[in-house]
Amino acid sequence: MSTAPAEPVRYELRGPVALVTLNRPEYRNAQNSAMTYALDRALYRAGADDRVRVVVLAGAGEHFCAGHDIGTPERDAHLPFDRRAGLWWDHSDKHGAESRFARESEVYLGMCRRWRELPKPVVASVQGACIAGGLMLAWVCDLIVASDDAFFADPVVRMGIPGVEYFAHPWVMPPRIAKEFLYTGERMSARRAYEVGMINRVVARTELPERTMELADRIADMPRMGLALTKRAVNQAEDLQGMHTGMDSVFGLHHLAHAHNAETASDPLAGMDVRAMKKAGS
């Protein structure tokens, strides 16, 4: 007896809080395009619903998100989707840097920037792995609550690439810590992430859903317009500190690295597939 595939993102309303859950636990919630667009629809839904005051972003299973999908059976980077985040053309019938730049402008940098601007507070609830593309999802959230067994990593320098596409590193942590984080590719514990100011709270794994929801409910008591304007004020301050333009410049370097890999290595990821990344410690 066959069963319908699970939705890649679950949506649940809990009073004034929309609980949005990444739902590919068998692949540690690796982000394929289907998940990315499902998440976009869920956040649009939460933004349009007047009952929703706060959004919680969580991950089903043992891990929040292990990053971009670079090797599951459902990897769909080659497929076209209805574009939502920018004006670049469809990537699926293009080749080389043109294809990759168009796709990543949409599903990585473009989507994350849109989600950061959702005028309702978003709280990330992070357990287990939060790696590379998973960092991007957590970083667009306004607050991050992590379990005591959570860990964070951006190992893509192993691919010869200067960090993930949404390059928030020097704004979510001090620059020297960001350099160490990238240069080594090592995992950062939840406790260390708290110490450097990257996350807001560390709680016991068993208490993570409850404690995250408590925080969301408390925020939901604040005036909606006040929250929206406060979020915009802080985001604008970050952008005045160079976050937006800095990301644009690093996005170009990111694609220069892909092009260099394509010319000098076996593929734009320098041959670092899932197996190679795991062997290297990711």
Protein backbone atom coordinates (compact mmCIF):
# COMPACT_ATOMS: atom_id res chain seq x y z
CA MET A 1 0.00 0.00 0.00
CA SER A 2 1.53 3.30 -1.09
CA THR A 3 1.29 6.48 0.94
CA ALA A 4 1.44 10.05 -0.23
CA PRO A 5 4.78 11.75 0.37
CA ALA A 6 4.90 13.95 3.44
CA GLU A 7 4.66 17.70 2.95
CA PRO A 8 8.19 19.15 3.13
CA VAL A 9 6.94 21.86 5.50
CA ARG A 10 4.17 21.53 8.09
CA TYR A 11 2.01 24.47 9.19
CA GLU A 12 0.09 24.58 12.46
CA LEU A 13 -1.72 27.39 14.23
CA ARG A 14 -1.30 27.46 18.01
CA GLY A 15 -3.28 30.42 19.24
CA PRO A 16 -1.44 33.55 18.05
CA VAL A 17 1.62 31.54 16.98
CA ALA A 18 2.16 29.86 13.60
CA LEU A 19 4.39 26.82 14.03
CA VAL A 20 6.23 26.18 10.76
CA THR A 21 8.17 22.90 10.76
CA LEU A 22 10.74 21.66 8.24
CA ASN A 23 9.63 18.11 7.52
CA ARG A 24 12.32 15.99 5.87
CA PRO A 25 13.64 14.35 9.04
CA GLU A 26 14.93 11.29 7.20
CA TYR A 27 17.41 13.63 5.46
CA ARG A 28 18.11 15.83 8.51
CA ASN A 29 15.79 18.43 6.91
CA ALA A 30 18.16 19.12 4.03
CA GLN A 31 16.70 21.89 1.89
CA ASN A 32 15.70 20.95 -1.62
CA SER A 33 13.80 23.43 -3.76
CA ALA A 34 10.45 21.84 -2.90
CA MET A 35 11.10 22.55 0.77
CA THR A 36 12.31 26.09 0.07
CA TYR A 37 9.19 27.03 -1.85
CA ALA A 38 6.95 25.29 0.69
CA LEU A 39 8.60 27.33 3.43
CA ASP A 40 8.04 30.48 1.40
CA ARG A 41 4.33 29.65 1.09
CA ALA A 42 4.07 28.95 4.81
CA LEU A 43 5.65 32.28 5.76
CA TYR A 44 3.41 34.13 3.31
CA ARG A 45 0.44 32.38 4.91
CA ALA A 46 1.54 33.43 8.38
CA GLY A 47 2.13 36.99 7.24
CA ALA A 48 -1.34 37.27 5.71
CA ASP A 49 -3.22 35.74 8.66
CA ASP A 50 -4.32 38.41 11.15
CA ARG A 51 -4.59 35.75 13.85
CA VAL A 52 -0.84 35.15 13.68
CA ARG A 53 1.31 37.46 15.78
CA VAL A 54 4.54 35.41 15.90
CA VAL A 55 6.07 32.60 13.83
CA VAL A 56 8.14 29.73 15.22
CA LEU A 57 10.42 27.95 12.74
CA ALA A 58 11.34 24.41 13.82
CA GLY A 59 12.71 21.20 12.34
CA ALA A 60 11.15 17.75 12.66
CA GLY A 61 13.23 14.89 14.04
CA GLU A 62 16.69 14.91 15.54
CA HIS A 63 18.08 17.90 13.64
CA PHE A 64 16.95 21.41 12.74
CA CYS A 65 18.58 21.47 9.29
CA ALA A 66 21.73 19.93 7.82
CA GLY A 67 21.94 22.48 5.01
CA HIS A 68 21.27 22.54 1.29
CA ASP A 69 20.36 19.28 -0.37
CA ILE A 70 23.49 18.14 -2.19
CA GLY A 71 22.76 14.43 -2.39
CA THR A 72 19.35 13.07 -1.35
CA PRO A 73 17.14 11.06 -3.76
CA GLU A 74 14.79 14.08 -3.87
CA ARG A 75 17.40 16.62 -4.90
CA ASP A 76 15.68 18.88 -7.42
CA ALA A 77 18.14 21.67 -8.20
CA HIS A 78 17.72 20.99 -11.93
CA LEU A 79 13.94 21.50 -11.94
CA PRO A 80 12.05 24.74 -12.68
CA PHE A 81 9.80 26.35 -10.05
CA ASP A 82 7.56 29.40 -10.17
CA ARG A 83 9.93 32.19 -9.19
CA ARG A 84 8.98 34.33 -6.20
CA ALA A 85 12.02 36.15 -4.85
CA GLY A 86 13.55 38.01 -7.78
CA LEU A 87 13.54 38.86 -11.46
CA TRP A 88 16.26 36.52 -12.64
CA TRP A 89 15.12 34.08 -15.31
CA ASP A 90 14.52 30.35 -14.96
CA HIS A 91 17.78 28.48 -14.37
CA SER A 92 16.70 25.01 -15.46
CA ASP A 93 17.39 25.43 -19.20
CA LYS A 94 20.57 27.47 -18.75
CA HIS A 95 24.16 26.31 -18.25
CA GLY A 96 27.24 27.10 -16.23
CA ALA A 97 27.47 30.22 -14.10
CA GLU A 98 24.31 31.64 -15.68
CA SER A 99 22.23 28.74 -14.36
CA ARG A 100 23.77 28.63 -10.90
CA PHE A 101 23.73 32.40 -10.35
CA ALA A 102 20.08 32.65 -11.43
CA ARG A 103 18.99 29.78 -9.18
CA GLU A 104 20.91 30.85 -6.10
CA SER A 105 19.81 34.47 -6.50
CA GLU A 106 16.29 33.11 -6.14
CA VAL A 107 16.24 30.21 -3.70
CA TYR A 108 19.15 31.14 -1.42
CA LEU A 109 19.97 34.83 -1.16
CA GLY A 110 16.63 36.09 -2.50
CA MET A 111 14.41 33.86 -0.38
CA CYS A 112 16.37 34.53 2.82
CA ARG A 113 16.20 38.28 2.33
CA ARG A 114 12.44 38.10 1.83
CA TRP A 115 11.96 36.02 4.95
CA ARG A 116 14.10 38.38 7.03
CA GLU A 117 11.66 41.16 6.14
CA LEU A 118 8.50 39.35 7.26
CA PRO A 119 6.87 42.05 9.44
CA LYS A 120 6.09 39.59 12.23
CA PRO A 121 8.66 38.25 14.69
CA VAL A 122 10.12 34.85 13.80
CA VAL A 123 11.72 32.62 16.44
CA ALA A 124 13.95 29.71 15.43
CA SER A 125 13.77 26.55 17.54
CA VAL A 126 17.04 24.71 16.87
CA GLN A 127 18.09 21.21 17.92
CA GLY A 128 20.89 19.00 16.70
CA ALA A 129 22.57 20.06 13.47
CA CYS A 130 22.28 23.59 12.10
CA ILE A 131 24.74 23.49 9.23
CA ALA A 132 25.43 25.80 6.27
CA GLY A 133 22.01 26.37 4.65
CA GLY A 134 20.49 25.63 8.06
CA LEU A 135 22.39 28.62 9.43
CA MET A 136 20.78 30.78 6.77
CA LEU A 137 17.32 29.75 7.95
CA ALA A 138 18.16 30.37 11.60
CA TRP A 139 19.88 33.68 10.88
CA VAL A 140 16.88 35.22 9.09
CA CYS A 141 14.88 34.66 12.28
CA ASP A 142 14.72 37.44 14.86
CA LEU A 143 15.49 35.22 17.83
CA ILE A 144 17.11 31.79 18.16
CA VAL A 145 16.39 29.34 20.98
CA ALA A 146 18.66 26.29 20.86
CA SER A 147 18.76 23.01 22.71
CA ASP A 148 21.87 22.21 24.70
CA ASP A 149 22.85 19.56 22.15
CA ALA A 150 22.55 21.88 19.15
CA PHE A 151 25.61 22.72 17.08
CA PHE A 152 26.33 25.19 14.30
CA ALA A 153 28.78 24.95 11.40
CA ASP A 154 29.56 26.40 7.98
CA PRO A 155 32.01 23.94 6.41
CA VAL A 156 31.74 25.10 2.80
CA VAL A 157 35.24 26.60 2.82
CA ARG A 158 36.22 22.93 2.32
CA MET A 159 34.70 23.41 -1.14
CA GLY A 160 36.88 26.48 -1.71
CA ILE A 161 33.80 28.70 -1.24
CA PRO A 162 33.77 31.66 1.21
CA GLY A 163 30.72 30.67 3.26
CA VAL A 164 27.06 30.21 2.48
CA GLU A 165 25.13 32.49 0.12
CA TYR A 166 23.38 34.49 2.86
CA PHE A 167 26.67 35.73 4.31
CA ALA A 168 25.55 37.09 7.67
CA HIS A 169 28.59 35.79 9.56
CA PRO A 170 30.26 39.13 10.48
CA TRP A 171 26.93 40.52 11.73
CA VAL A 172 25.68 37.56 13.79
CA MET A 173 29.03 37.08 15.54
CA PRO A 174 32.22 39.13 16.01
CA PRO A 175 34.43 39.20 12.90
CA ARG A 176 37.34 37.27 14.44
CA ILE A 177 34.96 34.58 15.66
CA ALA A 178 33.43 34.50 12.17
CA LYS A 179 36.88 33.97 10.65
CA GLU A 180 37.65 31.12 13.04
CA PHE A 181 34.22 29.62 12.38
CA LEU A 182 34.87 29.67 8.61
CA TYR A 183 38.60 28.93 8.54
CA THR A 184 38.26 25.76 10.61
CA GLY A 185 34.79 24.56 9.60
CA GLU A 186 34.47 23.25 13.15
CA ARG A 187 31.20 22.83 14.97
CA MET A 188 30.22 25.57 17.39
CA SER A 189 28.27 24.35 20.41
CA ALA A 190 25.05 26.00 21.51
CA ARG A 191 26.81 27.28 24.63
CA ARG A 192 29.58 28.90 22.59
CA ALA A 193 27.03 30.36 20.17
CA TYR A 194 25.27 31.93 23.15
CA GLU A 195 28.55 33.31 24.51
CA VAL A 196 29.37 35.09 21.23
CA GLY A 197 25.84 36.48 20.90
CA MET A 198 24.66 34.42 17.93
CA ILE A 199 21.69 32.88 19.75
CA ASN A 200 19.38 34.09 22.51
CA ARG A 201 18.78 31.13 24.79
CA VAL A 202 20.05 27.60 25.46
CA VAL A 203 17.60 25.14 26.99
CA ALA A 204 17.41 21.42 27.68
CA ARG A 205 16.54 19.35 24.62
CA THR A 206 13.37 18.01 26.24
CA GLU A 207 12.22 21.56 27.03
CA LEU A 208 12.96 23.14 23.63
CA PRO A 209 9.43 23.15 22.13
CA GLU A 210 7.79 24.36 25.34
CA ARG A 211 10.35 27.06 26.09
CA THR A 212 10.32 28.34 22.52
CA MET A 213 6.53 28.55 22.55
CA GLU A 214 6.58 30.37 25.90
CA LEU A 215 8.85 33.02 24.40
CA ALA A 216 6.68 33.31 21.29
CA ASP A 217 3.53 33.69 23.37
CA ARG A 218 5.14 36.44 25.43
CA ILE A 219 6.13 38.34 22.29
CA ALA A 220 2.60 37.86 20.88
CA ASP A 221 1.23 40.03 23.71
CA MET A 222 3.01 43.08 22.30
CA PRO A 223 1.28 45.42 19.79
CA ARG A 224 1.50 44.09 16.24
CA MET A 225 2.47 47.43 14.68
CA GLY A 226 5.02 48.08 17.40
CA LEU A 227 6.67 44.74 16.74
CA ALA A 228 6.69 45.30 12.98
CA LEU A 229 8.28 48.74 13.27
CA THR A 230 10.81 47.57 15.84
CA LYS A 231 11.86 44.71 13.59
CA ARG A 232 12.23 47.07 10.68
CA ALA A 233 14.25 49.52 12.79
CA VAL A 234 16.79 46.87 13.85
CA ASN A 235 17.01 45.40 10.34
CA GLN A 236 17.63 48.88 8.93
CA ALA A 237 20.38 49.44 11.49
CA GLU A 238 22.10 46.22 10.37
CA ASP A 239 21.83 47.28 6.74
CA LEU A 240 23.29 50.71 7.57
CA GLN A 241 26.22 48.79 9.05
CA GLY A 242 26.74 47.25 5.61
CA MET A 243 24.90 43.96 5.87
CA HIS A 244 22.92 44.22 2.62
CA THR A 245 25.74 45.51 0.42
CA GLY A 246 28.24 43.23 2.13
CA MET A 247 26.13 40.20 1.26
CA ASP A 248 25.92 41.34 -2.36
CA SER A 249 29.69 41.54 -2.62
CA VAL A 250 30.26 38.15 -0.97
CA PHE A 251 27.59 36.58 -3.18
CA GLY A 252 29.76 37.54 -6.14
CA LEU A 253 32.81 35.96 -4.49
CA HIS A 254 30.74 32.85 -3.77
CA HIS A 255 30.02 32.44 -7.47
CA LEU A 256 33.58 33.22 -8.47
CA ALA A 257 34.52 30.23 -6.27
CA HIS A 258 31.96 28.01 -7.99
CA ALA A 259 33.31 29.04 -11.40
CA HIS A 260 36.89 28.43 -10.28
CA ASN A 261 35.92 24.96 -9.05
CA ALA A 262 34.21 24.18 -12.35
CA GLU A 263 37.43 25.02 -14.21
CA THR A 264 39.94 23.38 -11.88
CA ALA A 265 38.08 20.57 -10.09
CA SER A 266 35.54 17.89 -10.90
CA ASP A 267 32.47 20.11 -10.39
CA PRO A 268 31.39 23.49 -8.92
CA LEU A 269 31.49 21.94 -5.40
CA ALA A 270 35.09 20.77 -5.84
CA GLY A 271 34.00 17.16 -5.59
CA MET A 272 32.74 17.58 -2.03
CA ASP A 273 29.58 15.48 -2.00
CA VAL A 274 27.70 14.39 1.12
CA ARG A 275 30.06 11.49 1.79
CA ALA A 276 33.17 13.67 1.43
CA MET A 277 31.75 16.36 3.71
CA LYS A 278 30.88 13.81 6.38
CA LYS A 279 34.36 12.30 6.17
CA ALA A 280 35.81 15.78 6.61
CA GLY A 281 33.88 16.19 9.84
CA SER A 282 30.63 17.90 8.86
